Amino acid sequence: MKSWIRRHQGLVIFLIMAVLVVGWIGWSLILRPRVQTAQFISEWQIKLSAIEKPDALPDDMKPEVYVRKLKDGSWVMAAMHHGSCCQPSAEFDASVWKDSEGKVTVLSDWSPCAGSTQGMGEFWEEQMPANSLAELYRCPVPGAPSS
């Protein structure tokens, strides 16, 4: 076996490098975004679940959470990440919402496209206009496959 490896040392090195490159590509394109999505969702489910209303939002979270107030007095707090084009440090799209009824909603593959939390929130309001939670939850999610 040792003599075969010595005779084919170049091929062995090439195969090892090929496996490493394919593994790195698989991690970068497939596994890493999934891990980052799961971490984002888990973190924001915990954080938003602990907050009773938008007024109780801690100062350090305010830049990361968009508060949408609806005409009927209800509200939705949303943590959103749009990495497919706007936040390329982590290439995934996800949103976690908590509404005034205490419901936490997770969209594991969608967020509005904009460069900031404020911009994403404003774009979200344009894409999914609503005056109440019932109307908001009836709105189709833009870009989602239809059922």
Protein backbone atom coordinates (compact mmCIF):
# COMPACT_ATOMS: atom_id res chain seq x y z
CA MET A 1 0.00 0.00 0.00
CA LYS A 2 2.80 2.41 0.92
CA SER A 3 4.54 1.83 -2.38
CA TRP A 4 1.30 2.51 -4.30
CA ILE A 5 0.87 5.80 -2.44
CA ARG A 6 4.47 6.77 -3.14
CA ARG A 7 4.12 5.93 -6.83
CA HIS A 8 0.87 7.89 -7.09
CA GLN A 9 1.73 10.69 -4.70
CA GLY A 10 0.59 13.41 -7.11
CA LEU A 11 -2.80 11.72 -7.61
CA VAL A 12 -3.26 11.25 -3.85
CA ILE A 13 -2.49 14.91 -3.19
CA PHE A 14 -4.86 15.95 -5.97
CA LEU A 15 -7.66 13.76 -4.56
CA ILE A 16 -7.15 15.11 -1.04
CA MET A 17 -7.22 18.69 -2.35
CA ALA A 18 -10.34 17.94 -4.42
CA VAL A 19 -12.15 16.54 -1.36
CA LEU A 20 -11.15 19.59 0.69
CA VAL A 21 -12.33 22.01 -2.02
CA VAL A 22 -15.65 20.20 -2.48
CA GLY A 23 -16.13 20.11 1.30
CA TRP A 24 -15.41 23.82 1.61
CA ILE A 25 -17.83 24.63 -1.22
CA GLY A 26 -20.50 22.43 0.37
CA TRP A 27 -20.02 24.14 3.73
CA SER A 28 -20.00 27.64 2.25
CA LEU A 29 -22.95 27.29 -0.10
CA ILE A 30 -25.21 24.81 1.66
CA LEU A 31 -24.46 24.11 5.31
CA ARG A 32 -23.23 27.49 6.57
CA PRO A 33 -26.33 29.44 5.47
CA ARG A 34 -28.57 26.79 7.05
CA VAL A 35 -26.67 26.97 10.33
CA GLN A 36 -26.76 30.78 10.30
CA THR A 37 -30.50 30.77 9.53
CA ALA A 38 -31.21 28.39 12.41
CA GLN A 39 -29.08 30.50 14.79
CA PHE A 40 -30.78 33.73 13.72
CA ILE A 41 -34.26 32.26 14.11
CA SER A 42 -33.53 30.66 17.48
CA GLU A 43 -31.93 33.81 18.86
CA TRP A 44 -34.77 36.09 17.75
CA GLN A 45 -37.54 33.73 18.84
CA ILE A 46 -36.08 33.84 22.35
CA LYS A 47 -35.47 37.59 22.33
CA LEU A 48 -38.87 38.60 20.90
CA SER A 49 -40.79 36.10 23.05
CA ALA A 50 -39.39 37.82 26.14
CA ILE A 51 -40.68 41.25 25.12
CA GLU A 52 -44.32 42.02 25.96
CA LYS A 53 -44.75 45.14 23.82
CA PRO A 54 -42.72 47.43 21.58
CA ASP A 55 -42.30 50.03 24.33
CA ALA A 56 -40.34 47.42 26.32
CA LEU A 57 -37.83 46.89 23.51
CA PRO A 58 -34.33 47.34 24.97
CA ASP A 59 -32.26 50.13 23.43
CA ASP A 60 -29.60 47.71 22.15
CA MET A 61 -32.26 45.80 20.16
CA LYS A 62 -34.03 48.82 18.64
CA PRO A 63 -31.70 49.08 15.60
CA GLU A 64 -32.34 45.40 14.79
CA VAL A 65 -36.12 45.27 15.25
CA TYR A 66 -38.74 46.98 13.11
CA VAL A 67 -41.99 47.83 14.89
CA ARG A 68 -45.02 47.93 12.63
CA LYS A 69 -48.11 49.57 14.11
CA LEU A 70 -51.36 48.75 12.37
CA LYS A 71 -54.41 51.02 12.13
CA ASP A 72 -56.51 48.87 14.47
CA GLY A 73 -53.96 49.35 17.28
CA SER A 74 -52.26 45.99 16.90
CA TRP A 75 -48.54 45.75 16.24
CA VAL A 76 -45.81 43.43 15.00
CA MET A 77 -42.15 43.50 16.02
CA ALA A 78 -39.90 41.98 13.36
CA ALA A 79 -36.26 40.97 13.28
CA MET A 80 -35.28 40.51 9.64
CA HIS A 81 -32.12 39.51 7.82
CA HIS A 82 -31.75 39.77 4.05
CA GLY A 83 -28.40 38.26 3.13
CA SER A 84 -29.05 37.22 -0.44
CA CYS A 85 -28.15 40.73 -1.59
CA CYS A 86 -28.21 43.33 1.19
CA GLN A 87 -26.37 41.76 4.12
CA PRO A 88 -23.81 39.48 2.43
CA SER A 89 -21.85 38.72 5.62
CA ALA A 90 -24.42 35.97 6.18
CA GLU A 91 -26.14 34.85 3.00
CA PHE A 92 -29.61 33.85 4.15
CA ASP A 93 -33.04 35.46 4.33
CA ALA A 94 -35.21 35.09 7.43
CA SER A 95 -37.75 36.98 9.51
CA VAL A 96 -39.06 36.46 13.01
CA TRP A 97 -42.21 38.35 14.01
CA LYS A 98 -43.99 38.75 17.33
CA ASP A 99 -47.41 40.32 17.27
CA SER A 100 -49.63 42.04 19.84
CA GLU A 101 -51.47 38.76 20.46
CA GLY A 102 -48.20 37.09 21.50
CA LYS A 103 -47.88 34.95 18.37
CA VAL A 104 -44.33 34.41 17.12
CA THR A 105 -44.08 33.75 13.38
CA VAL A 106 -40.98 32.49 11.59
CA LEU A 107 -40.31 32.92 7.88
CA SER A 108 -37.16 30.89 7.41
CA ASP A 109 -36.53 31.89 3.81
CA TRP A 110 -37.97 35.40 3.40
CA SER A 111 -37.29 38.98 4.36
CA PRO A 112 -37.80 42.21 2.44
CA CYS A 113 -34.86 43.42 0.37
CA ALA A 114 -33.36 46.63 1.73
CA GLY A 115 -30.08 47.74 3.23
CA SER A 116 -31.22 48.47 6.79
CA THR A 117 -33.79 47.29 9.32
CA GLN A 118 -35.77 50.50 8.77
CA GLY A 119 -35.61 50.07 5.00
CA MET A 120 -36.67 46.42 5.25
CA GLY A 121 -39.60 47.40 7.46
CA GLU A 122 -40.79 50.10 5.09
CA PHE A 123 -40.47 47.75 2.12
CA TRP A 124 -42.34 45.04 4.09
CA GLU A 125 -45.22 47.47 4.67
CA GLU A 126 -45.33 48.22 0.92
CA GLN A 127 -45.23 44.54 -0.05
CA MET A 128 -47.76 43.38 2.54
CA PRO A 129 -50.20 46.24 3.23
CA ALA A 130 -52.58 45.61 6.13
CA ASN A 131 -54.69 47.48 8.67
CA SER A 132 -54.95 44.59 11.15
CA LEU A 133 -53.17 41.37 12.11
CA ALA A 134 -55.89 39.34 10.37
CA GLU A 135 -55.25 41.23 7.13
CA LEU A 136 -51.48 40.91 7.52
CA TYR A 137 -51.63 37.15 8.01
CA ARG A 138 -53.91 36.81 4.97
CA CYS A 139 -51.37 38.62 2.76
CA PRO A 140 -49.33 36.32 0.55
CA VAL A 141 -45.64 36.43 1.34
CA PRO A 142 -43.93 38.02 -1.69
CA GLY A 143 -41.86 35.54 -3.62
CA ALA A 144 -43.18 32.53 -1.71
CA PRO A 145 -44.37 29.59 -3.80
CA SER A 146 -48.13 29.53 -4.15
CA SER A 147 -49.99 26.55 -2.73
